[in-house]
Amino acid sequence: IAGCRDNSVHAEINDIAFVPAYKNDKFGFNVLVGGFFSAKRCAAAIPLNAWVEPSQVVAICRAILEVFRDNGSRGNRQKSRLMWLIDEWGLDEFRSKVQQQMGQILETEAPKDEIIWEKRDHIGVYKQKQPGLNYIGLHIPVGRLYADNMFDLARLAEVYGNGEIRLTVEQNVIIPNVPESRIEPFLGEPLLEKFSINPQPLTRAVVSCTGAQFCNFAMIETKSRALAVAKEVEAELFIPKPVRIHWTGCPNSCGQPQVADIGLMGTKARKNGKMVDSVDLYMGGTVGKDAKLGSCVQKGIPCEDLKPILRNLLIENFGAKPK
């Protein structure tokens, strides 16, 4: 369920998603269905041509799940996702079945939001709607948290907020409900030397799956490599704005390279007669307004040869300049 134009939930890659939309000056959600990533196939969610009020969200979720439960290919793990059923039936029939299961006529979707919006990442200090309160977004490099870090974050949330911690799709942390008077001492905490509110533009937007260190499916190590490459490139280039680079260790796409500005999928390739850690390069992924999945533009790049390729991409496509 998305709450704003920033689309912080990456609605387009979920089986069911709700995108805020006004219809006849009334607030509600347009419904998307069928998004998923897998080794076999990746697909972006498509509009169900349905708009629901907030009070109807649970009911339509239940109806979609019951239709899939009764008719989906749940016995075949390769096809046990919603989009396969939509492909089999067609969107109109699927919508009709959902409507029948709900027992009510669905309204058609609200008009598309035409406002141009620069996606934000919630890293930094921001005022909340509640007077006098703020939320503070901390950058967690490649989402790697150790136990002592988690205890420290819990302490910050208790001391400066109300004990609440939120996690973002980009693998960062938000501590809400921080009073104005507590911002300055919060920003002086030693933990913020590691988890910054103002990271460099490349490391700021790096996302990585667990990788081969802990995952049996991964074909390469990702987290340490992703951070090291980002820091090396940042040392050589001035990058005017964050560039989203997503690493994933295998075709299961847990790191979601298809929605990144630059996506890197782990593989193996031959170099000088030997198999080495490599990546397939994806470009052009976007989320939110005019969302689309990126496509593979180059296969089998040895990881040791990746830095100059990324450097050139950033200069040619994202306005980076040599320092």
C-alpha atoms as a PDB file:
ATOM      1  CA  ILE A   1       0.000   0.000   0.000  1.00  0.00           C
ATOM      2  CA  ALA A   2       1.605   3.239  -1.161  1.00  0.00           C
ATOM      3  CA  GLY A   3       0.907   6.402   0.778  1.00  0.00           C
ATOM      4  CA  CYS A   4       2.358   9.075  -1.497  1.00  0.00           C
ATOM      5  CA  ARG A   5       3.864   9.820  -4.899  1.00  0.00           C
ATOM      6  CA  ASP A   6       7.291   8.597  -3.766  1.00  0.00           C
ATOM      7  CA  ASN A   7       6.009   5.016  -4.203  1.00  0.00           C
ATOM      8  CA  SER A   8       8.202   3.822  -1.361  1.00  0.00           C
ATOM      9  CA  VAL A   9       6.747   0.304  -1.612  1.00  0.00           C
ATOM     10  CA  HIS A  10       7.662  -0.258  -5.289  1.00  0.00           C
ATOM     11  CA  ALA A  11       4.040  -1.008  -6.073  1.00  0.00           C
ATOM     12  CA  GLU A  12       4.750  -2.293  -9.575  1.00  0.00           C
ATOM     13  CA  ILE A  13       6.616  -5.408  -8.442  1.00  0.00           C
ATOM     14  CA  ASN A  14       3.971  -6.729  -6.046  1.00  0.00           C
ATOM     15  CA  ASP A  15       1.159  -9.230  -6.630  1.00  0.00           C
ATOM     16  CA  ILE A  16      -1.333  -6.708  -5.228  1.00  0.00           C
ATOM     17  CA  ALA A  17      -0.667  -3.002  -4.795  1.00  0.00           C
ATOM     18  CA  PHE A  18      -2.692   0.064  -3.898  1.00  0.00           C
ATOM     19  CA  VAL A  19      -1.667   3.464  -5.263  1.00  0.00           C
ATOM     20  CA  PRO A  20      -3.305   6.584  -3.784  1.00  0.00           C
ATOM     21  CA  ALA A  21      -5.666   8.367  -6.170  1.00  0.00           C
ATOM     22  CA  TYR A  22      -8.498  10.878  -5.976  1.00  0.00           C
ATOM     23  CA  LYS A  23     -11.737  10.218  -7.825  1.00  0.00           C
ATOM     24  CA  ASN A  24     -14.434  12.875  -7.869  1.00  0.00           C
ATOM     25  CA  ASP A  25     -12.527  14.653  -5.079  1.00  0.00           C
ATOM     26  CA  LYS A  26     -12.689  11.534  -2.909  1.00  0.00           C
ATOM     27  CA  PHE A  27      -9.551   9.776  -1.646  1.00  0.00           C
ATOM     28  CA  GLY A  28      -8.954   6.122  -2.428  1.00  0.00           C
ATOM     29  CA  PHE A  29      -6.637   3.760  -4.268  1.00  0.00           C
ATOM     30  CA  ASN A  30      -6.114   2.500  -7.792  1.00  0.00           C
ATOM     31  CA  VAL A  31      -5.394  -1.238  -7.733  1.00  0.00           C
ATOM     32  CA  LEU A  32      -2.452  -2.928  -9.465  1.00  0.00           C
ATOM     33  CA  VAL A  33      -2.108  -6.707  -9.779  1.00  0.00           C
ATOM     34  CA  GLY A  34       0.329  -9.334 -10.986  1.00  0.00           C
ATOM     35  CA  GLY A  35       3.799  -7.945 -10.392  1.00  0.00           C
ATOM     36  CA  PHE A  36       6.590 -10.370  -9.510  1.00  0.00           C
ATOM     37  CA  PHE A  37      10.246 -11.285  -9.948  1.00  0.00           C
ATOM     38  CA  SER A  38      11.567 -14.817 -10.320  1.00  0.00           C
ATOM     39  CA  ALA A  39      14.303 -16.731 -12.104  1.00  0.00           C
ATOM     40  CA  LYS A  40      11.766 -17.915 -14.672  1.00  0.00           C
ATOM     41  CA  ARG A  41      10.054 -14.614 -15.421  1.00  0.00           C
ATOM     42  CA  CYS A  42       9.745 -11.007 -14.269  1.00  0.00           C
ATOM     43  CA  ALA A  43       6.611  -8.925 -14.813  1.00  0.00           C
ATOM     44  CA  ALA A  44       5.429  -5.488 -13.762  1.00  0.00           C
ATOM     45  CA  ALA A  45       2.031  -5.200 -12.109  1.00  0.00           C
ATOM     46  CA  ILE A  46      -0.785  -3.981 -14.342  1.00  0.00           C
ATOM     47  CA  PRO A  47      -3.847  -1.845 -13.537  1.00  0.00           C
ATOM     48  CA  LEU A  48      -6.942  -3.834 -12.564  1.00  0.00           C
ATOM     49  CA  ASN A  49      -9.014  -0.848 -13.720  1.00  0.00           C
ATOM     50  CA  ALA A  50     -10.442  -0.598 -10.230  1.00  0.00           C
ATOM     51  CA  TRP A  51     -10.603   2.200  -7.670  1.00  0.00           C
ATOM     52  CA  VAL A  52     -11.490   1.428  -4.068  1.00  0.00           C
ATOM     53  CA  GLU A  53     -12.109   3.434  -0.937  1.00  0.00           C
ATOM     54  CA  PRO A  54      -9.788   2.778   2.033  1.00  0.00           C
ATOM     55  CA  SER A  55     -12.570   0.814   3.741  1.00  0.00           C
ATOM     56  CA  GLN A  56     -12.657  -1.613   0.770  1.00  0.00           C
ATOM     57  CA  VAL A  57      -8.950  -2.491   0.709  1.00  0.00           C
ATOM     58  CA  VAL A  58      -9.233  -5.572   2.924  1.00  0.00           C
ATOM     59  CA  ALA A  59     -12.299  -6.840   1.055  1.00  0.00           C
ATOM     60  CA  ILE A  60     -10.719  -6.635  -2.390  1.00  0.00           C
ATOM     61  CA  CYS A  61      -7.477  -8.186  -1.094  1.00  0.00           C
ATOM     62  CA  ARG A  62      -9.475 -11.089   0.281  1.00  0.00           C
ATOM     63  CA  ALA A  63     -11.401 -11.483  -2.972  1.00  0.00           C
ATOM     64  CA  ILE A  64      -8.198 -11.529  -5.063  1.00  0.00           C
ATOM     65  CA  LEU A  65      -6.594 -14.072  -2.742  1.00  0.00           C
ATOM     66  CA  GLU A  66      -9.661 -16.315  -2.781  1.00  0.00           C
ATOM     67  CA  VAL A  67      -9.837 -16.216  -6.582  1.00  0.00           C
ATOM     68  CA  PHE A  68      -6.166 -17.174  -6.758  1.00  0.00           C
ATOM     69  CA  ARG A  69      -6.566 -19.839  -4.067  1.00  0.00           C
ATOM     70  CA  ASP A  70      -9.363 -21.529  -5.986  1.00  0.00           C
ATOM     71  CA  ASN A  71      -8.009 -21.139  -9.517  1.00  0.00           C
ATOM     72  CA  GLY A  72      -4.266 -20.447  -9.514  1.00  0.00           C
ATOM     73  CA  SER A  73      -1.525 -22.956 -10.371  1.00  0.00           C
ATOM     74  CA  ARG A  74      -0.586 -23.441  -6.745  1.00  0.00           C
ATOM     75  CA  GLY A  75       0.689 -26.967  -7.361  1.00  0.00           C
ATOM     76  CA  ASN A  76       3.339 -25.721  -9.795  1.00  0.00           C
ATOM     77  CA  ARG A  77       5.931 -23.626  -7.968  1.00  0.00           C
ATOM     78  CA  GLN A  78       7.163 -22.240 -11.282  1.00  0.00           C
ATOM     79  CA  LYS A  79       3.748 -20.707 -11.957  1.00  0.00           C
ATOM     80  CA  SER A  80       2.359 -20.121  -8.485  1.00  0.00           C
ATOM     81  CA  ARG A  81       1.982 -16.349  -8.871  1.00  0.00           C
ATOM     82  CA  LEU A  82      -0.961 -14.162  -9.690  1.00  0.00           C
ATOM     83  CA  MET A  83       0.219 -13.005 -13.129  1.00  0.00           C
ATOM     84  CA  TRP A  84       0.117 -16.540 -14.538  1.00  0.00           C
ATOM     85  CA  LEU A  85      -3.600 -16.743 -13.726  1.00  0.00           C
ATOM     86  CA  ILE A  86      -4.206 -13.305 -15.248  1.00  0.00           C
ATOM     87  CA  ASP A  87      -2.386 -14.427 -18.405  1.00  0.00           C
ATOM     88  CA  GLU A  88      -4.510 -17.570 -18.589  1.00  0.00           C
ATOM     89  CA  TRP A  89      -7.844 -15.803 -18.156  1.00  0.00           C
ATOM     90  CA  GLY A  90      -7.198 -12.307 -19.451  1.00  0.00           C
ATOM     91  CA  LEU A  91      -7.534  -9.203 -17.298  1.00  0.00           C
ATOM     92  CA  ASP A  92     -11.247  -8.660 -17.964  1.00  0.00           C
ATOM     93  CA  GLU A  93     -12.227 -12.144 -16.798  1.00  0.00           C
ATOM     94  CA  PHE A  94      -9.936 -11.913 -13.779  1.00  0.00           C
ATOM     95  CA  ARG A  95     -11.513  -8.580 -12.812  1.00  0.00           C
ATOM     96  CA  SER A  96     -14.979 -10.063 -13.276  1.00  0.00           C
ATOM     97  CA  LYS A  97     -14.148 -13.006 -10.995  1.00  0.00           C
ATOM     98  CA  VAL A  98     -12.792 -10.662  -8.311  1.00  0.00           C
ATOM     99  CA  GLN A  99     -15.911  -8.529  -8.558  1.00  0.00           C
ATOM    100  CA  GLN A 100     -18.094 -11.631  -8.287  1.00  0.00           C
ATOM    101  CA  GLN A 101     -16.127 -12.836  -5.250  1.00  0.00           C
ATOM    102  CA  MET A 102     -16.535  -9.441  -3.555  1.00  0.00           C
ATOM    103  CA  GLY A 103     -20.241  -9.398  -4.295  1.00  0.00           C
ATOM    104  CA  GLN A 104     -20.232  -5.825  -5.503  1.00  0.00           C
ATOM    105  CA  ILE A 105     -19.506  -3.788  -8.627  1.00  0.00           C
ATOM    106  CA  LEU A 106     -16.008  -2.313  -8.732  1.00  0.00           C
ATOM    107  CA  GLU A 107     -15.588   1.303  -9.723  1.00  0.00           C
ATOM    108  CA  THR A 108     -13.253   1.956 -12.652  1.00  0.00           C
ATOM    109  CA  GLU A 109      -9.841   3.401 -11.878  1.00  0.00           C
ATOM    110  CA  ALA A 110      -9.275   7.087 -11.165  1.00  0.00           C
ATOM    111  CA  PRO A 111      -7.529   9.250 -13.781  1.00  0.00           C
ATOM    112  CA  LYS A 112      -3.760   8.884 -13.926  1.00  0.00           C
ATOM    113  CA  ASP A 113      -1.745  11.315 -11.822  1.00  0.00           C
ATOM    114  CA  GLU A 114       0.027  13.642 -14.263  1.00  0.00           C
ATOM    115  CA  ILE A 115       2.045  15.567 -11.674  1.00  0.00           C
ATOM    116  CA  ILE A 116       5.790  15.261 -12.305  1.00  0.00           C
ATOM    117  CA  TRP A 117       7.454  14.179  -9.076  1.00  0.00           C
ATOM    118  CA  GLU A 118      11.098  13.605  -8.158  1.00  0.00           C
ATOM    119  CA  LYS A 119      11.265  10.458  -6.014  1.00  0.00           C
ATOM    120  CA  ARG A 120      12.574  11.012  -2.485  1.00  0.00           C
ATOM    121  CA  ASP A 121      14.268   8.448  -0.251  1.00  0.00           C
ATOM    122  CA  HIS A 122      13.371   9.689   3.275  1.00  0.00           C
ATOM    123  CA  ILE A 123      17.039   9.922   4.354  1.00  0.00           C
ATOM    124  CA  GLY A 124      17.544  13.024   6.499  1.00  0.00           C
ATOM    125  CA  VAL A 125      15.408  15.078   8.903  1.00  0.00           C
ATOM    126  CA  TYR A 126      11.797  15.815   7.913  1.00  0.00           C
ATOM    127  CA  LYS A 127       8.838  17.410   9.646  1.00  0.00           C
ATOM    128  CA  GLN A 128       5.850  15.182  10.319  1.00  0.00           C
ATOM    129  CA  LYS A 129       2.225  16.195   9.926  1.00  0.00           C
ATOM    130  CA  GLN A 130       1.982  16.181  13.714  1.00  0.00           C
ATOM    131  CA  PRO A 131       3.062  19.627  15.030  1.00  0.00           C
ATOM    132  CA  GLY A 132       6.466  19.669  16.694  1.00  0.00           C
ATOM    133  CA  LEU A 133       7.453  16.154  15.604  1.00  0.00           C
ATOM    134  CA  ASN A 134       9.974  14.950  13.023  1.00  0.00           C
ATOM    135  CA  TYR A 135      11.159  11.720  11.499  1.00  0.00           C
ATOM    136  CA  ILE A 136      14.839  11.044  10.900  1.00  0.00           C
ATOM    137  CA  GLY A 137      15.935   8.688   8.143  1.00  0.00           C
ATOM    138  CA  LEU A 138      19.286   6.971   8.589  1.00  0.00           C
ATOM    139  CA  HIS A 139      21.243   5.459   5.715  1.00  0.00           C
ATOM    140  CA  ILE A 140      22.224   1.840   6.435  1.00  0.00           C
ATOM    141  CA  PRO A 141      24.996   0.969   3.928  1.00  0.00           C
ATOM    142  CA  VAL A 142      23.697  -1.946   1.791  1.00  0.00           C
ATOM    143  CA  GLY A 143      21.210  -2.702   4.577  1.00  0.00           C
ATOM    144  CA  ARG A 144      23.764  -4.502   6.720  1.00  0.00           C
ATOM    145  CA  LEU A 145      22.869  -4.441  10.408  1.00  0.00           C
ATOM    146  CA  TYR A 146      24.685  -6.261  13.203  1.00  0.00           C
ATOM    147  CA  ALA A 147      23.217  -7.037  16.619  1.00  0.00           C
ATOM    148  CA  ASP A 148      25.030  -4.189  18.389  1.00  0.00           C
ATOM    149  CA  ASN A 149      23.785  -1.744  15.731  1.00  0.00           C
ATOM    150  CA  MET A 150      20.233  -2.918  16.322  1.00  0.00           C
ATOM    151  CA  PHE A 151      20.528  -2.349  20.070  1.00  0.00           C
ATOM    152  CA  ASP A 152      21.906   1.143  19.375  1.00  0.00           C
ATOM    153  CA  LEU A 153      19.028   1.934  17.011  1.00  0.00           C
ATOM    154  CA  ALA A 154      16.538   0.702  19.595  1.00  0.00           C
ATOM    155  CA  ARG A 155      18.121   2.995  22.176  1.00  0.00           C
ATOM    156  CA  LEU A 156      17.883   6.002  19.832  1.00  0.00           C
ATOM    157  CA  ALA A 157      14.224   5.253  19.190  1.00  0.00           C
ATOM    158  CA  GLU A 158      13.493   4.990  22.916  1.00  0.00           C
ATOM    159  CA  VAL A 159      15.480   8.064  23.972  1.00  0.00           C
ATOM    160  CA  TYR A 160      14.555  10.458  21.174  1.00  0.00           C
ATOM    161  CA  GLY A 161      11.274   9.100  19.801  1.00  0.00           C
ATOM    162  CA  ASN A 162       8.539   6.843  21.119  1.00  0.00           C
ATOM    163  CA  GLY A 163      10.366   3.544  20.621  1.00  0.00           C
ATOM    164  CA  GLU A 164       9.171   3.037  17.051  1.00  0.00           C
ATOM    165  CA  ILE A 165      11.498   2.078  14.165  1.00  0.00           C
ATOM    166  CA  ARG A 166      10.481   1.731  10.527  1.00  0.00           C
ATOM    167  CA  LEU A 167      12.388  -0.033   7.737  1.00  0.00           C
ATOM    168  CA  THR A 168      12.336   1.086   4.101  1.00  0.00           C
ATOM    169  CA  VAL A 169      12.373  -0.858   0.844  1.00  0.00           C
ATOM    170  CA  GLU A 170      15.769   0.736   0.169  1.00  0.00           C
ATOM    171  CA  GLN A 171      17.145  -1.018   3.298  1.00  0.00           C
ATOM    172  CA  ASN A 172      17.306   2.111   5.450  1.00  0.00           C
ATOM    173  CA  VAL A 173      15.846   3.007   8.864  1.00  0.00           C
ATOM    174  CA  ILE A 174      13.387   5.711   9.909  1.00  0.00           C
ATOM    175  CA  ILE A 175      12.953   6.824  13.519  1.00  0.00           C
ATOM    176  CA  PRO A 176       9.700   8.822  13.804  1.00  0.00           C
ATOM    177  CA  ASN A 177       8.192  11.078  16.453  1.00  0.00           C
ATOM    178  CA  VAL A 178      11.346  12.992  17.368  1.00  0.00           C
ATOM    179  CA  PRO A 179      10.509  16.370  19.011  1.00  0.00           C
ATOM    180  CA  GLU A 180      12.183  19.528  17.695  1.00  0.00           C
ATOM    181  CA  SER A 181      14.118  19.902  20.943  1.00  0.00           C
ATOM    182  CA  ARG A 182      15.672  16.443  20.542  1.00  0.00           C
ATOM    183  CA  ILE A 183      16.947  16.747  16.966  1.00  0.00           C
ATOM    184  CA  GLU A 184      20.293  18.370  17.803  1.00  0.00           C
ATOM    185  CA  PRO A 185      21.357  15.810  20.438  1.00  0.00           C
ATOM    186  CA  PHE A 186      20.100  13.009  18.166  1.00  0.00           C
ATOM    187  CA  LEU A 187      22.354  14.211  15.348  1.00  0.00           C
ATOM    188  CA  GLY A 188      25.304  14.238  17.755  1.00  0.00           C
ATOM    189  CA  GLU A 189      24.996  10.521  18.508  1.00  0.00           C
ATOM    190  CA  PRO A 190      28.134   8.497  17.570  1.00  0.00           C
ATOM    191  CA  LEU A 191      26.010   5.972  15.633  1.00  0.00           C
ATOM    192  CA  LEU A 192      25.359   8.627  12.983  1.00  0.00           C
ATOM    193  CA  GLU A 193      29.022   8.471  11.987  1.00  0.00           C
ATOM    194  CA  LYS A 194      28.172   5.033  10.593  1.00  0.00           C
ATOM    195  CA  PHE A 195      24.510   5.540   9.679  1.00  0.00           C
ATOM    196  CA  SER A 196      24.522   8.973   8.078  1.00  0.00           C
ATOM    197  CA  ILE A 197      21.658  11.376   7.355  1.00  0.00           C
ATOM    198  CA  ASN A 198      23.620  12.757   4.387  1.00  0.00           C
ATOM    199  CA  PRO A 199      25.490   9.943   2.613  1.00  0.00           C
ATOM    200  CA  GLN A 200      27.311  10.249  -0.693  1.00  0.00           C
ATOM    201  CA  PRO A 201      25.022  10.062  -3.759  1.00  0.00           C
ATOM    202  CA  LEU A 202      26.109   6.625  -4.960  1.00  0.00           C
ATOM    203  CA  THR A 203      26.322   4.741  -1.658  1.00  0.00           C
ATOM    204  CA  ARG A 204      23.068   6.485  -0.664  1.00  0.00           C
ATOM    205  CA  ALA A 205      21.052   4.525  -3.221  1.00  0.00           C
ATOM    206  CA  VAL A 206      22.861   1.174  -3.341  1.00  0.00           C
ATOM    207  CA  VAL A 207      20.636  -1.829  -2.597  1.00  0.00           C
ATOM    208  CA  SER A 208      21.967  -5.362  -2.307  1.00  0.00           C
ATOM    209  CA  CYS A 209      20.628  -8.826  -1.606  1.00  0.00           C
ATOM    210  CA  THR A 210      22.309 -11.057   0.976  1.00  0.00           C
ATOM    211  CA  GLY A 211      24.694 -12.561  -1.567  1.00  0.00           C
ATOM    212  CA  ALA A 212      26.852 -15.669  -1.462  1.00  0.00           C
ATOM    213  CA  GLN A 213      28.092 -15.038   2.088  1.00  0.00           C
ATOM    214  CA  PHE A 214      24.815 -16.389   3.476  1.00  0.00           C
ATOM    215  CA  CYS A 215      22.605 -17.437   0.529  1.00  0.00           C
ATOM    216  CA  ASN A 216      23.020 -20.761  -1.274  1.00  0.00           C
ATOM    217  CA  PHE A 217      21.318 -19.442  -4.412  1.00  0.00           C
ATOM    218  CA  ALA A 218      23.657 -16.480  -4.903  1.00  0.00           C
ATOM    219  CA  MET A 219      26.378 -16.905  -7.515  1.00  0.00           C
ATOM    220  CA  ILE A 220      28.522 -14.008  -6.255  1.00  0.00           C
ATOM    221  CA  GLU A 221      29.202 -12.042  -3.080  1.00  0.00           C
ATOM    222  CA  THR A 222      27.187  -8.830  -3.267  1.00  0.00           C
ATOM    223  CA  LYS A 223      27.032  -6.612  -0.174  1.00  0.00           C
ATOM    224  CA  SER A 224      30.731  -5.925   0.455  1.00  0.00           C
ATOM    225  CA  ARG A 225      31.429  -5.736  -3.274  1.00  0.00           C
ATOM    226  CA  ALA A 226      28.541  -3.314  -3.899  1.00  0.00           C
ATOM    227  CA  LEU A 227      29.724  -0.944  -1.181  1.00  0.00           C
ATOM    228  CA  ALA A 228      33.380  -1.125  -2.217  1.00  0.00           C
ATOM    229  CA  VAL A 229      32.638  -0.410  -5.880  1.00  0.00           C
ATOM    230  CA  ALA A 230      30.350   2.513  -4.994  1.00  0.00           C
ATOM    231  CA  LYS A 231      32.989   4.103  -2.768  1.00  0.00           C
ATOM    232  CA  GLU A 232      35.723   3.658  -5.381  1.00  0.00           C
ATOM    233  CA  VAL A 233      33.616   5.280  -8.094  1.00  0.00           C
ATOM    234  CA  GLU A 234      32.556   8.122  -5.766  1.00  0.00           C
ATOM    235  CA  ALA A 235      36.221   8.859  -5.091  1.00  0.00           C
ATOM    236  CA  GLU A 236      36.755   9.464  -8.816  1.00  0.00           C
ATOM    237  CA  LEU A 237      33.531  11.214  -9.858  1.00  0.00           C
ATOM    238  CA  PHE A 238      31.334  14.122  -8.875  1.00  0.00           C
ATOM    239  CA  ILE A 239      27.791  12.715  -9.073  1.00  0.00           C
ATOM    240  CA  PRO A 240      25.092  15.428  -9.036  1.00  0.00           C
ATOM    241  CA  LYS A 241      22.230  13.322  -7.670  1.00  0.00           C
ATOM    242  CA  PRO A 242      21.622   9.822  -6.280  1.00  0.00           C
ATOM    243  CA  VAL A 243      21.769   6.981  -8.799  1.00  0.00           C
ATOM    244  CA  ARG A 244      19.974   3.801  -7.765  1.00  0.00           C
ATOM    245  CA  ILE A 245      22.270   0.784  -8.206  1.00  0.00           C
ATOM    246  CA  HIS A 246      20.799  -2.580  -7.205  1.00  0.00           C
ATOM    247  CA  TRP A 247      22.849  -5.775  -6.852  1.00  0.00           C
ATOM    248  CA  THR A 248      21.377  -9.264  -6.790  1.00  0.00           C
ATOM    249  CA  GLY A 249      23.335 -12.490  -6.491  1.00  0.00           C
ATOM    250  CA  CYS A 250      21.211 -14.642  -8.802  1.00  0.00           C
ATOM    251  CA  PRO A 251      18.252 -14.545 -11.227  1.00  0.00           C
ATOM    252  CA  ASN A 252      15.735 -14.784  -8.364  1.00  0.00           C
ATOM    253  CA  SER A 253      16.213 -10.999  -8.216  1.00  0.00           C
ATOM    254  CA  CYS A 254      15.854 -10.410  -4.476  1.00  0.00           C
ATOM    255  CA  GLY A 255      17.938  -7.256  -5.008  1.00  0.00           C
ATOM    256  CA  GLN A 256      15.430  -6.067  -7.631  1.00  0.00           C
ATOM    257  CA  PRO A 257      17.873  -4.974 -10.380  1.00  0.00           C
ATOM    258  CA  GLN A 258      15.021  -4.519 -12.849  1.00  0.00           C
ATOM    259  CA  VAL A 259      13.674  -1.440 -11.022  1.00  0.00           C
ATOM    260  CA  ALA A 260      17.040   0.291 -10.615  1.00  0.00           C
ATOM    261  CA  ASP A 261      18.720   2.972 -12.692  1.00  0.00           C
ATOM    262  CA  ILE A 262      21.559   0.456 -12.938  1.00  0.00           C
ATOM    263  CA  GLY A 263      20.950  -3.188 -12.051  1.00  0.00           C
ATOM    264  CA  LEU A 264      23.610  -5.856 -11.574  1.00  0.00           C
ATOM    265  CA  MET A 265      22.714  -9.559 -11.503  1.00  0.00           C
ATOM    266  CA  GLY A 266      25.299 -12.078 -10.356  1.00  0.00           C
ATOM    267  CA  THR A 267      26.471 -14.775 -12.740  1.00  0.00           C
ATOM    268  CA  LYS A 268      29.637 -16.585 -13.829  1.00  0.00           C
ATOM    269  CA  ALA A 269      31.605 -15.822 -16.977  1.00  0.00           C
ATOM    270  CA  ARG A 270      34.838 -17.004 -18.506  1.00  0.00           C
ATOM    271  CA  LYS A 271      37.914 -14.779 -18.453  1.00  0.00           C
ATOM    272  CA  ASN A 272      41.331 -15.961 -19.587  1.00  0.00           C
ATOM    273  CA  GLY A 273      40.019 -19.516 -19.612  1.00  0.00           C
ATOM    274  CA  LYS A 274      38.685 -19.400 -16.043  1.00  0.00           C
ATOM    275  CA  MET A 275      35.185 -18.957 -14.631  1.00  0.00           C
ATOM    276  CA  VAL A 276      35.026 -15.773 -12.556  1.00  0.00           C
ATOM    277  CA  ASP A 277      32.449 -13.785 -10.584  1.00  0.00           C
ATOM    278  CA  SER A 278      30.526 -11.643 -13.050  1.00  0.00           C
ATOM    279  CA  VAL A 279      27.348  -9.623 -13.501  1.00  0.00           C
ATOM    280  CA  ASP A 280      24.690  -9.029 -16.119  1.00  0.00           C
ATOM    281  CA  LEU A 281      23.984  -5.312 -16.524  1.00  0.00           C
ATOM    282  CA  TYR A 282      20.418  -3.938 -16.492  1.00  0.00           C
ATOM    283  CA  MET A 283      19.432  -0.378 -17.378  1.00  0.00           C
ATOM    284  CA  GLY A 284      16.324   1.767 -17.483  1.00  0.00           C
ATOM    285  CA  GLY A 285      14.255   0.567 -14.539  1.00  0.00           C
ATOM    286  CA  THR A 286      11.888   3.062 -12.926  1.00  0.00           C
ATOM    287  CA  VAL A 287       9.220   2.955 -10.226  1.00  0.00           C
ATOM    288  CA  GLY A 288       6.289   5.249  -9.599  1.00  0.00           C
ATOM    289  CA  LYS A 289       5.007   7.451 -12.422  1.00  0.00           C
ATOM    290  CA  ASP A 290       5.609   5.835 -15.847  1.00  0.00           C
ATOM    291  CA  ALA A 291       7.140   2.793 -14.145  1.00  0.00           C
ATOM    292  CA  LYS A 292       8.874   0.172 -16.251  1.00  0.00           C
ATOM    293  CA  LEU A 293      11.260  -2.718 -15.747  1.00  0.00           C
ATOM    294  CA  GLY A 294      14.836  -2.324 -16.905  1.00  0.00           C
ATOM    295  CA  SER A 295      16.308  -4.629 -19.524  1.00  0.00           C
ATOM    296  CA  CYS A 296      19.584  -6.510 -19.730  1.00  0.00           C
ATOM    297  CA  VAL A 297      22.004  -4.565 -21.933  1.00  0.00           C
ATOM    298  CA  GLN A 298      25.223  -6.519 -21.367  1.00  0.00           C
ATOM    299  CA  LYS A 299      25.899 -10.022 -20.093  1.00  0.00           C
ATOM    300  CA  GLY A 300      28.810 -11.599 -18.287  1.00  0.00           C
ATOM    301  CA  ILE A 301      30.886  -8.617 -17.157  1.00  0.00           C
ATOM    302  CA  PRO A 302      33.668  -9.868 -14.841  1.00  0.00           C
ATOM    303  CA  CYS A 303      33.338  -8.068 -11.505  1.00  0.00           C
ATOM    304  CA  GLU A 304      36.984  -7.045 -11.651  1.00  0.00           C
ATOM    305  CA  ASP A 305      36.242  -5.184 -14.911  1.00  0.00           C
ATOM    306  CA  LEU A 306      33.067  -3.513 -13.682  1.00  0.00           C
ATOM    307  CA  LYS A 307      34.319  -0.219 -12.238  1.00  0.00           C
ATOM    308  CA  PRO A 308      35.345   1.485 -15.518  1.00  0.00           C
ATOM    309  CA  ILE A 309      32.048   0.413 -17.102  1.00  0.00           C
ATOM    310  CA  LEU A 310      30.042   1.936 -14.234  1.00  0.00           C
ATOM    311  CA  ARG A 311      32.197   5.034 -14.373  1.00  0.00           C
ATOM    312  CA  ASN A 312      31.426   5.559 -18.060  1.00  0.00           C
ATOM    313  CA  LEU A 313      27.709   4.880 -17.546  1.00  0.00           C
ATOM    314  CA  LEU A 314      27.511   7.506 -14.820  1.00  0.00           C
ATOM    315  CA  ILE A 315      29.288  10.085 -16.978  1.00  0.00           C
ATOM    316  CA  GLU A 316      27.288   9.358 -20.134  1.00  0.00           C
ATOM    317  CA  ASN A 317      23.837   8.869 -18.591  1.00  0.00           C
ATOM    318  CA  PHE A 318      23.681  10.535 -15.174  1.00  0.00           C
ATOM    319  CA  GLY A 319      25.695  13.745 -15.480  1.00  0.00           C
ATOM    320  CA  ALA A 320      28.717  12.607 -13.472  1.00  0.00           C
ATOM    321  CA  LYS A 321      32.022  14.406 -14.007  1.00  0.00           C
ATOM    322  CA  PRO A 322      35.598  13.380 -13.164  1.00  0.00           C
ATOM    323  CA  LYS A 323      36.943  15.023 -10.008  1.00  0.00           C
END
